[in-house]
Amino acid sequence: MGSSPEDQLATMLANIPEKTGKPLAEWIGIIRKSGHEKHGAILKFLKEEHGISHGFANLIASKARETGEEVDLVASQYSDAKAELRPLYEEIVAFAKSLGPDVEIAPKKASVSLRRKKQFALVTPATKTRIDLGVALKGEEPTGRLESYNAMCSHRIRLESISEFDDEAKSWVKEAYSKSG
């Protein structure tokens, strides 16, 4: 028995970086800069200018034209020089969603707020090599990797790789989540 259309789509999305040389977020950034807005023009641009096969070009064009604010804001945050940070962002969001069904992902122009009844974390691509993960842990002493931050999130963890989003970092996110309910 074959896989479902949803499974096939998920496989294609996962294969975009390997098959096209860039992650989806970076392609969306390239398309936005190109000025192409219509599906056919984007398709032609991807195939002729970048040598992408029809199937992947069609998928990328479709994703680039989605109007959901979350897709646009997150894609623009993790395009171009910051595209390499997207897997780390995805890992953080997946972990946050695993904390409970009440987690809300709220993209903003330069960051993504993770909320429950109130914000408990903030994911910001701070540089081309680092995400600043803000956590609301008011009253906690800054120690080691857990630094003082700002009024919205009392502390920050600097992350440059998925391996740095380790059990210690996850425990701080989990604690912030539990305090936000």
N, C-alpha and C. Protein backbone atom coordinates (compact mmCIF):
# COMPACT_ATOMS: atom_id res chain seq x y z
N MET A 1 0.84 -1.18 0.00
CA MET A 1 0.00 0.00 0.00
C MET A 1 0.88 1.24 0.00
N GLY A 2 0.56 2.23 -0.85
CA GLY A 2 1.35 3.45 -0.96
C GLY A 2 1.11 4.39 0.21
N SER A 3 1.98 5.36 0.32
CA SER A 3 1.81 6.34 1.39
C SER A 3 0.74 7.35 1.01
N SER A 4 0.20 8.00 2.01
CA SER A 4 -0.88 8.97 1.78
C SER A 4 -0.33 10.23 1.12
N PRO A 5 -1.20 11.03 0.51
CA PRO A 5 -0.74 12.30 -0.06
C PRO A 5 -0.05 13.19 0.99
N GLU A 6 -0.54 13.15 2.21
CA GLU A 6 0.06 13.95 3.28
C GLU A 6 1.49 13.48 3.56
N ASP A 7 1.68 12.14 3.57
CA ASP A 7 3.02 11.58 3.77
C ASP A 7 3.95 11.96 2.62
N GLN A 8 3.42 11.90 1.41
CA GLN A 8 4.23 12.25 0.24
C GLN A 8 4.64 13.73 0.29
N LEU A 9 3.71 14.60 0.68
CA LEU A 9 4.01 16.02 0.80
C LEU A 9 5.08 16.25 1.87
N ALA A 10 4.94 15.59 3.01
CA ALA A 10 5.91 15.74 4.10
C ALA A 10 7.30 15.28 3.64
N THR A 11 7.35 14.20 2.87
CA THR A 11 8.63 13.71 2.35
C THR A 11 9.25 14.72 1.41
N MET A 12 8.45 15.26 0.51
CA MET A 12 8.97 16.26 -0.43
C MET A 12 9.47 17.50 0.31
N LEU A 13 8.70 17.96 1.29
CA LEU A 13 9.13 19.14 2.06
C LEU A 13 10.45 18.87 2.76
N ALA A 14 10.58 17.69 3.34
CA ALA A 14 11.81 17.32 4.04
C ALA A 14 13.00 17.21 3.08
N ASN A 15 12.73 16.87 1.83
CA ASN A 15 13.80 16.67 0.85
C ASN A 15 14.20 17.94 0.10
N ILE A 16 13.50 19.04 0.31
CA ILE A 16 13.83 20.27 -0.42
C ILE A 16 15.30 20.66 -0.28
N PRO A 17 15.86 20.72 0.94
CA PRO A 17 17.28 21.14 1.02
C PRO A 17 18.23 20.23 0.24
N GLU A 18 18.03 18.92 0.35
CA GLU A 18 18.91 17.97 -0.33
C GLU A 18 18.77 18.04 -1.84
N LYS A 19 17.53 18.15 -2.32
CA LYS A 19 17.28 18.09 -3.77
C LYS A 19 17.48 19.42 -4.47
N THR A 20 17.41 20.54 -3.72
CA THR A 20 17.51 21.86 -4.36
C THR A 20 18.71 22.67 -3.89
N GLY A 21 19.36 22.21 -2.82
CA GLY A 21 20.54 22.91 -2.33
C GLY A 21 20.27 23.98 -1.28
N LYS A 22 19.00 24.26 -1.02
CA LYS A 22 18.65 25.27 -0.03
C LYS A 22 17.38 24.86 0.72
N PRO A 23 17.23 25.29 1.97
CA PRO A 23 15.98 25.01 2.69
C PRO A 23 14.84 25.88 2.15
N LEU A 24 13.62 25.45 2.40
CA LEU A 24 12.43 26.16 1.92
C LEU A 24 12.44 27.64 2.30
N ALA A 25 12.79 27.95 3.55
CA ALA A 25 12.79 29.35 4.00
C ALA A 25 13.69 30.21 3.13
N GLU A 26 14.83 29.67 2.74
CA GLU A 26 15.75 30.44 1.91
C GLU A 26 15.17 30.66 0.52
N TRP A 27 14.53 29.61 -0.03
CA TRP A 27 13.88 29.77 -1.35
C TRP A 27 12.80 30.83 -1.30
N ILE A 28 12.02 30.83 -0.23
CA ILE A 28 10.95 31.82 -0.11
C ILE A 28 11.54 33.23 -0.07
N GLY A 29 12.64 33.39 0.65
CA GLY A 29 13.32 34.69 0.68
C GLY A 29 13.80 35.10 -0.71
N ILE A 30 14.36 34.16 -1.47
CA ILE A 30 14.84 34.43 -2.83
C ILE A 30 13.67 34.84 -3.73
N ILE A 31 12.55 34.14 -3.59
CA ILE A 31 11.37 34.46 -4.40
C ILE A 31 10.85 35.85 -4.07
N ARG A 32 10.78 36.17 -2.78
CA ARG A 32 10.30 37.50 -2.36
C ARG A 32 11.17 38.60 -2.98
N LYS A 33 12.49 38.38 -2.95
CA LYS A 33 13.41 39.38 -3.51
C LYS A 33 13.31 39.48 -5.03
N SER A 34 12.92 38.38 -5.68
CA SER A 34 12.83 38.37 -7.13
C SER A 34 11.69 39.24 -7.65
N GLY A 35 10.68 39.44 -6.79
CA GLY A 35 9.53 40.23 -7.20
C GLY A 35 8.46 39.42 -7.91
N HIS A 36 8.71 38.16 -8.19
CA HIS A 36 7.70 37.32 -8.83
C HIS A 36 6.60 37.00 -7.83
N GLU A 37 5.34 37.15 -8.27
CA GLU A 37 4.22 36.90 -7.37
C GLU A 37 3.29 35.80 -7.88
N LYS A 38 3.17 35.66 -9.18
CA LYS A 38 2.26 34.66 -9.75
C LYS A 38 2.94 33.31 -9.78
N HIS A 39 2.11 32.28 -9.57
CA HIS A 39 2.63 30.91 -9.50
C HIS A 39 3.47 30.54 -10.72
N GLY A 40 2.94 30.81 -11.90
CA GLY A 40 3.64 30.46 -13.14
C GLY A 40 4.98 31.17 -13.26
N ALA A 41 5.03 32.44 -12.89
CA ALA A 41 6.27 33.20 -12.97
C ALA A 41 7.30 32.67 -11.98
N ILE A 42 6.84 32.31 -10.78
CA ILE A 42 7.75 31.74 -9.77
C ILE A 42 8.27 30.40 -10.24
N LEU A 43 7.37 29.58 -10.79
CA LEU A 43 7.75 28.26 -11.31
C LEU A 43 8.82 28.40 -12.39
N LYS A 44 8.59 29.27 -13.34
CA LYS A 44 9.54 29.51 -14.43
C LYS A 44 10.88 30.00 -13.88
N PHE A 45 10.83 30.94 -12.95
CA PHE A 45 12.03 31.50 -12.31
C PHE A 45 12.86 30.39 -11.64
N LEU A 46 12.20 29.55 -10.86
CA LEU A 46 12.91 28.48 -10.14
C LEU A 46 13.50 27.45 -11.10
N LYS A 47 12.76 27.10 -12.14
CA LYS A 47 13.23 26.09 -13.09
C LYS A 47 14.36 26.64 -13.98
N GLU A 48 14.15 27.84 -14.53
CA GLU A 48 15.11 28.37 -15.49
C GLU A 48 16.33 29.02 -14.84
N GLU A 49 16.11 29.76 -13.77
CA GLU A 49 17.21 30.49 -13.14
C GLU A 49 17.99 29.63 -12.13
N HIS A 50 17.31 28.64 -11.55
CA HIS A 50 17.95 27.86 -10.48
C HIS A 50 18.01 26.36 -10.76
N GLY A 51 17.48 25.93 -11.91
CA GLY A 51 17.60 24.53 -12.31
C GLY A 51 16.86 23.53 -11.43
N ILE A 52 15.78 23.98 -10.80
CA ILE A 52 15.01 23.10 -9.93
C ILE A 52 14.03 22.29 -10.77
N SER A 53 13.87 21.02 -10.43
CA SER A 53 12.94 20.16 -11.16
C SER A 53 11.51 20.68 -11.00
N HIS A 54 10.65 20.29 -11.93
CA HIS A 54 9.28 20.79 -11.94
C HIS A 54 8.55 20.52 -10.62
N GLY A 55 8.65 19.30 -10.11
CA GLY A 55 7.92 18.95 -8.89
C GLY A 55 8.31 19.80 -7.69
N PHE A 56 9.61 19.97 -7.49
CA PHE A 56 10.07 20.78 -6.35
C PHE A 56 9.80 22.26 -6.59
N ALA A 57 9.96 22.73 -7.83
CA ALA A 57 9.67 24.12 -8.14
C ALA A 57 8.19 24.43 -7.87
N ASN A 58 7.33 23.50 -8.24
CA ASN A 58 5.90 23.68 -8.02
C ASN A 58 5.58 23.75 -6.53
N LEU A 59 6.19 22.86 -5.75
CA LEU A 59 5.96 22.85 -4.30
C LEU A 59 6.47 24.14 -3.66
N ILE A 60 7.68 24.54 -4.01
CA ILE A 60 8.26 25.77 -3.45
C ILE A 60 7.41 26.97 -3.83
N ALA A 61 6.97 27.03 -5.09
CA ALA A 61 6.13 28.15 -5.54
C ALA A 61 4.83 28.19 -4.75
N SER A 62 4.23 27.03 -4.54
CA SER A 62 2.98 26.96 -3.77
C SER A 62 3.18 27.45 -2.34
N LYS A 63 4.26 27.00 -1.71
CA LYS A 63 4.54 27.40 -0.33
C LYS A 63 4.84 28.89 -0.25
N ALA A 64 5.53 29.41 -1.24
CA ALA A 64 5.88 30.84 -1.25
C ALA A 64 4.63 31.71 -1.38
N ARG A 65 3.59 31.17 -2.01
CA ARG A 65 2.37 31.95 -2.23
C ARG A 65 1.35 31.79 -1.12
N GLU A 66 1.61 30.91 -0.14
CA GLU A 66 0.68 30.78 0.98
C GLU A 66 0.58 32.13 1.68
N THR A 67 -0.61 32.47 2.10
CA THR A 67 -0.81 33.79 2.67
C THR A 67 -0.79 33.81 4.18
N GLY A 68 -0.62 32.67 4.79
CA GLY A 68 -0.59 32.64 6.25
C GLY A 68 0.52 33.51 6.80
N GLU A 69 0.20 34.36 7.74
CA GLU A 69 1.17 35.29 8.31
C GLU A 69 2.35 34.54 8.92
N GLU A 70 2.07 33.42 9.59
CA GLU A 70 3.13 32.66 10.24
C GLU A 70 4.18 32.22 9.23
N VAL A 71 3.74 31.71 8.09
CA VAL A 71 4.68 31.24 7.07
C VAL A 71 5.54 32.39 6.59
N ASP A 72 4.93 33.53 6.29
CA ASP A 72 5.68 34.67 5.77
C ASP A 72 6.67 35.21 6.80
N LEU A 73 6.23 35.42 8.02
CA LEU A 73 7.10 36.00 9.03
C LEU A 73 8.26 35.07 9.39
N VAL A 74 7.96 33.82 9.62
CA VAL A 74 9.02 32.87 9.98
C VAL A 74 9.96 32.68 8.79
N ALA A 75 9.41 32.55 7.60
CA ALA A 75 10.26 32.37 6.41
C ALA A 75 11.19 33.56 6.23
N SER A 76 10.70 34.76 6.43
CA SER A 76 11.57 35.92 6.25
C SER A 76 12.63 36.00 7.35
N GLN A 77 12.31 35.55 8.56
CA GLN A 77 13.30 35.55 9.64
C GLN A 77 14.44 34.59 9.34
N TYR A 78 14.12 33.47 8.72
CA TYR A 78 15.11 32.42 8.49
C TYR A 78 15.45 32.27 7.01
N SER A 79 15.60 33.39 6.34
CA SER A 79 16.02 33.35 4.94
C SER A 79 17.44 33.89 4.83
N ASP A 80 18.01 33.73 3.68
CA ASP A 80 19.35 34.23 3.38
C ASP A 80 20.38 33.77 4.40
N ALA A 81 21.09 34.70 5.02
CA ALA A 81 22.21 34.37 5.92
C ALA A 81 21.76 33.59 7.15
N LYS A 82 20.50 33.73 7.55
CA LYS A 82 20.01 33.06 8.76
C LYS A 82 19.30 31.74 8.46
N ALA A 83 19.30 31.31 7.23
CA ALA A 83 18.59 30.09 6.83
C ALA A 83 19.09 28.86 7.57
N GLU A 84 20.36 28.82 7.89
CA GLU A 84 20.94 27.66 8.58
C GLU A 84 20.38 27.49 9.99
N LEU A 85 19.77 28.54 10.54
CA LEU A 85 19.20 28.48 11.90
C LEU A 85 17.80 27.87 11.92
N ARG A 86 17.18 27.70 10.77
CA ARG A 86 15.80 27.22 10.73
C ARG A 86 15.61 25.86 11.42
N PRO A 87 16.48 24.87 11.21
CA PRO A 87 16.29 23.59 11.91
C PRO A 87 16.31 23.75 13.45
N LEU A 88 17.15 24.64 13.95
CA LEU A 88 17.20 24.89 15.38
C LEU A 88 15.88 25.52 15.84
N TYR A 89 15.37 26.48 15.08
CA TYR A 89 14.07 27.09 15.38
C TYR A 89 12.99 26.00 15.43
N GLU A 90 12.97 25.14 14.43
CA GLU A 90 11.95 24.08 14.35
C GLU A 90 12.04 23.15 15.57
N GLU A 91 13.25 22.85 15.99
CA GLU A 91 13.47 21.98 17.15
C GLU A 91 12.90 22.64 18.42
N ILE A 92 13.15 23.92 18.59
CA ILE A 92 12.65 24.65 19.76
C ILE A 92 11.12 24.67 19.76
N VAL A 93 10.52 24.97 18.62
CA VAL A 93 9.06 25.03 18.52
C VAL A 93 8.44 23.65 18.76
N ALA A 94 9.03 22.62 18.19
CA ALA A 94 8.51 21.25 18.40
C ALA A 94 8.54 20.90 19.89
N PHE A 95 9.63 21.25 20.56
CA PHE A 95 9.71 20.97 22.00
C PHE A 95 8.63 21.76 22.75
N ALA A 96 8.49 23.04 22.42
CA ALA A 96 7.48 23.86 23.10
C ALA A 96 6.08 23.28 22.92
N LYS A 97 5.77 22.84 21.70
CA LYS A 97 4.45 22.26 21.44
C LYS A 97 4.24 20.97 22.23
N SER A 98 5.32 20.26 22.52
CA SER A 98 5.20 19.00 23.27
C SER A 98 4.86 19.23 24.74
N LEU A 99 4.99 20.47 25.20
CA LEU A 99 4.73 20.77 26.61
C LEU A 99 3.25 20.77 26.95
N GLY A 100 2.41 21.01 25.96
CA GLY A 100 0.98 21.00 26.21
C GLY A 100 0.19 21.51 25.03
N PRO A 101 -1.09 21.17 24.97
CA PRO A 101 -1.92 21.58 23.84
C PRO A 101 -2.27 23.07 23.84
N ASP A 102 -1.94 23.77 24.92
CA ASP A 102 -2.28 25.18 25.03
C ASP A 102 -1.17 26.11 24.56
N VAL A 103 -0.09 25.55 23.99
CA VAL A 103 1.01 26.38 23.51
C VAL A 103 0.60 27.07 22.21
N GLU A 104 0.78 28.38 22.18
CA GLU A 104 0.47 29.17 20.99
C GLU A 104 1.78 29.69 20.41
N ILE A 105 1.95 29.51 19.10
CA ILE A 105 3.12 30.00 18.38
C ILE A 105 2.69 31.31 17.71
N ALA A 106 3.32 32.42 18.09
CA ALA A 106 2.89 33.73 17.59
C ALA A 106 4.07 34.46 16.94
N PRO A 107 4.22 34.29 15.61
CA PRO A 107 5.31 34.98 14.92
C PRO A 107 5.12 36.49 14.90
N LYS A 108 6.21 37.19 15.05
CA LYS A 108 6.26 38.64 14.92
C LYS A 108 7.28 38.93 13.83
N LYS A 109 7.54 40.18 13.56
CA LYS A 109 8.44 40.52 12.47
C LYS A 109 9.85 39.97 12.68
N ALA A 110 10.40 40.09 13.88
CA ALA A 110 11.79 39.71 14.12
C ALA A 110 11.96 38.53 15.07
N SER A 111 10.87 38.00 15.59
CA SER A 111 10.96 36.91 16.56
C SER A 111 9.66 36.11 16.56
N VAL A 112 9.66 35.02 17.33
CA VAL A 112 8.45 34.22 17.49
C VAL A 112 8.20 34.05 18.98
N SER A 113 7.03 34.48 19.40
CA SER A 113 6.64 34.38 20.80
C SER A 113 5.98 33.02 21.04
N LEU A 114 6.38 32.37 22.13
CA LEU A 114 5.76 31.12 22.56
C LEU A 114 4.93 31.46 23.78
N ARG A 115 3.61 31.26 23.67
CA ARG A 115 2.71 31.70 24.72
C ARG A 115 1.82 30.59 25.21
N ARG A 116 1.33 30.82 26.37
CA ARG A 116 0.30 30.02 27.00
C ARG A 116 -0.77 31.04 27.35
N LYS A 117 -1.01 31.30 28.63
CA LYS A 117 -1.86 32.43 28.99
C LYS A 117 -1.07 33.72 28.79
N LYS A 118 0.24 33.62 28.96
CA LYS A 118 1.15 34.73 28.68
C LYS A 118 2.41 34.16 28.06
N GLN A 119 3.25 35.05 27.54
CA GLN A 119 4.49 34.61 26.90
C GLN A 119 5.41 33.92 27.90
N PHE A 120 5.92 32.76 27.50
CA PHE A 120 6.89 32.08 28.35
C PHE A 120 8.26 31.98 27.68
N ALA A 121 8.31 32.19 26.37
CA ALA A 121 9.59 32.14 25.67
C ALA A 121 9.52 32.99 24.40
N LEU A 122 10.69 33.38 23.92
CA LEU A 122 10.80 34.19 22.72
C LEU A 122 12.00 33.69 21.91
N VAL A 123 11.76 33.32 20.65
CA VAL A 123 12.80 32.79 19.78
C VAL A 123 13.19 33.88 18.78
N THR A 124 14.44 34.33 18.86
CA THR A 124 14.91 35.42 18.01
C THR A 124 16.19 35.03 17.28
N PRO A 125 16.17 35.04 15.93
CA PRO A 125 17.42 34.81 15.21
C PRO A 125 18.27 36.08 15.34
N ALA A 126 19.17 36.10 16.32
CA ALA A 126 19.90 37.31 16.69
C ALA A 126 21.02 37.65 15.70
N THR A 127 21.71 36.63 15.25
CA THR A 127 22.78 36.81 14.27
C THR A 127 22.64 35.70 13.24
N LYS A 128 23.52 35.68 12.24
CA LYS A 128 23.42 34.61 11.24
C LYS A 128 23.84 33.25 11.79
N THR A 129 24.43 33.24 13.00
CA THR A 129 24.87 31.97 13.58
C THR A 129 24.26 31.69 14.95
N ARG A 130 23.35 32.55 15.43
CA ARG A 130 22.86 32.37 16.79
C ARG A 130 21.38 32.75 16.94
N ILE A 131 20.67 31.89 17.68
CA ILE A 131 19.32 32.20 18.14
C ILE A 131 19.42 32.58 19.61
N ASP A 132 18.76 33.67 19.96
CA ASP A 132 18.59 34.00 21.37
C ASP A 132 17.24 33.46 21.80
N LEU A 133 17.26 32.56 22.76
CA LEU A 133 16.03 31.97 23.29
C LEU A 133 15.75 32.63 24.63
N GLY A 134 14.79 33.55 24.62
CA GLY A 134 14.40 34.21 25.85
C GLY A 134 13.41 33.34 26.61
N VAL A 135 13.55 33.30 27.93
CA VAL A 135 12.62 32.55 28.77
C VAL A 135 12.19 33.44 29.94
N ALA A 136 10.92 33.32 30.31
CA ALA A 136 10.36 34.11 31.40
C ALA A 136 10.54 33.34 32.70
N LEU A 137 11.62 33.65 33.39
CA LEU A 137 11.95 32.98 34.66
C LEU A 137 12.23 34.03 35.73
N LYS A 138 11.31 34.98 35.86
CA LYS A 138 11.49 36.06 36.83
C LYS A 138 11.78 35.48 38.21
N GLY A 139 12.79 36.04 38.88
CA GLY A 139 13.16 35.58 40.20
C GLY A 139 14.31 34.59 40.21
N GLU A 140 14.63 34.00 39.06
CA GLU A 140 15.75 33.06 38.96
C GLU A 140 17.05 33.84 38.84
N GLU A 141 18.08 33.36 39.49
CA GLU A 141 19.40 33.97 39.37
C GLU A 141 20.03 33.56 38.04
N PRO A 142 20.60 34.49 37.29
CA PRO A 142 21.33 34.12 36.08
C PRO A 142 22.56 33.30 36.46
N THR A 143 22.75 32.18 35.79
CA THR A 143 23.91 31.33 36.05
C THR A 143 24.37 30.69 34.76
N GLY A 144 25.66 30.71 34.51
CA GLY A 144 26.21 30.04 33.32
C GLY A 144 25.57 30.51 32.04
N ARG A 145 24.95 29.58 31.34
CA ARG A 145 24.31 29.88 30.05
C ARG A 145 23.02 30.67 30.20
N LEU A 146 22.45 30.67 31.38
CA LEU A 146 21.19 31.39 31.63
C LEU A 146 21.54 32.82 32.04
N GLU A 147 21.46 33.75 31.07
CA GLU A 147 21.87 35.14 31.28
C GLU A 147 20.67 36.04 31.54
N SER A 148 20.90 37.19 32.16
CA SER A 148 19.86 38.22 32.28
C SER A 148 19.53 38.69 30.87
N TYR A 149 18.25 39.09 30.66
CA TYR A 149 17.88 39.49 29.31
C TYR A 149 17.12 40.79 29.29
N ASN A 150 15.78 40.75 29.24
CA ASN A 150 15.02 42.00 29.12
C ASN A 150 13.69 41.91 29.86
N ALA A 151 12.87 42.91 29.70
CA ALA A 151 11.61 42.97 30.44
C ALA A 151 10.62 41.89 30.00
N MET A 152 10.61 41.55 28.72
CA MET A 152 9.65 40.55 28.21
C MET A 152 10.03 39.13 28.63
N CYS A 153 11.30 38.85 28.58
CA CYS A 153 11.83 37.55 29.00
C CYS A 153 13.01 37.83 29.91
N SER A 154 12.90 37.41 31.14
CA SER A 154 13.92 37.76 32.13
C SER A 154 15.30 37.19 31.83
N HIS A 155 15.36 36.08 31.11
CA HIS A 155 16.62 35.41 30.85
C HIS A 155 16.76 35.02 29.38
N ARG A 156 18.00 34.77 29.00
CA ARG A 156 18.29 34.37 27.62
C ARG A 156 19.29 33.22 27.63
N ILE A 157 19.12 32.35 26.63
CA ILE A 157 20.07 31.27 26.37
C ILE A 157 20.53 31.47 24.92
N ARG A 158 21.82 31.60 24.72
CA ARG A 158 22.37 31.75 23.37
C ARG A 158 22.57 30.36 22.77
N LEU A 159 21.99 30.14 21.60
CA LEU A 159 22.06 28.82 20.96
C LEU A 159 22.62 28.95 19.54
N GLU A 160 23.63 28.16 19.24
CA GLU A 160 24.20 28.17 17.90
C GLU A 160 24.01 26.86 17.16
N SER A 161 23.52 25.84 17.86
CA SER A 161 23.30 24.54 17.20
C SER A 161 22.21 23.78 17.93
N ILE A 162 21.65 22.78 17.27
CA ILE A 162 20.62 21.94 17.88
C ILE A 162 21.18 21.26 19.13
N SER A 163 22.45 20.87 19.09
CA SER A 163 23.04 20.18 20.25
C SER A 163 23.06 21.08 21.50
N GLU A 164 23.10 22.39 21.30
CA GLU A 164 23.08 23.31 22.45
C GLU A 164 21.68 23.45 23.05
N PHE A 165 20.65 23.04 22.28
CA PHE A 165 19.29 23.01 22.83
C PHE A 165 19.15 21.66 23.53
N ASP A 166 19.88 21.53 24.61
CA ASP A 166 20.02 20.27 25.33
C ASP A 166 19.03 20.18 26.49
N ASP A 167 19.20 19.14 27.32
CA ASP A 167 18.28 18.93 28.45
C ASP A 167 18.23 20.13 29.39
N GLU A 168 19.37 20.77 29.60
CA GLU A 168 19.41 21.94 30.48
C GLU A 168 18.56 23.08 29.90
N ALA A 169 18.76 23.40 28.63
CA ALA A 169 17.98 24.46 27.99
C ALA A 169 16.50 24.11 27.96
N LYS A 170 16.18 22.85 27.66
CA LYS A 170 14.79 22.41 27.63
C LYS A 170 14.15 22.52 29.02
N SER A 171 14.93 22.24 30.07
CA SER A 171 14.37 22.35 31.43
C SER A 171 13.99 23.79 31.75
N TRP A 172 14.76 24.76 31.26
CA TRP A 172 14.42 26.17 31.49
C TRP A 172 13.15 26.55 30.73
N VAL A 173 13.02 26.06 29.50
CA VAL A 173 11.79 26.33 28.73
C VAL A 173 10.59 25.70 29.42
N LYS A 174 10.76 24.47 29.87
CA LYS A 174 9.67 23.76 30.56
C LYS A 174 9.27 24.50 31.85
N GLU A 175 10.26 24.99 32.60
CA GLU A 175 9.96 25.74 33.82
C GLU A 175 9.22 27.04 33.49
N ALA A 176 9.67 27.73 32.45
CA ALA A 176 8.99 28.97 32.05
C ALA A 176 7.55 28.68 31.63
N TYR A 177 7.36 27.59 30.90
CA TYR A 177 6.02 27.17 30.49
C TYR A 177 5.14 26.93 31.72
N SER A 178 5.67 26.19 32.69
CA SER A 178 4.86 25.86 33.88
C SER A 178 4.51 27.11 34.69
N LYS A 179 5.37 28.11 34.67
CA LYS A 179 5.10 29.35 35.41
C LYS A 179 4.10 30.26 34.67
N SER A 180 3.88 29.99 33.39
CA SER A 180 3.02 30.88 32.60
C SER A 180 1.55 30.48 32.63
N GLY A 181 1.24 29.36 33.26
CA GLY A 181 -0.15 28.87 33.27
C GLY A 181 -0.88 29.35 34.43
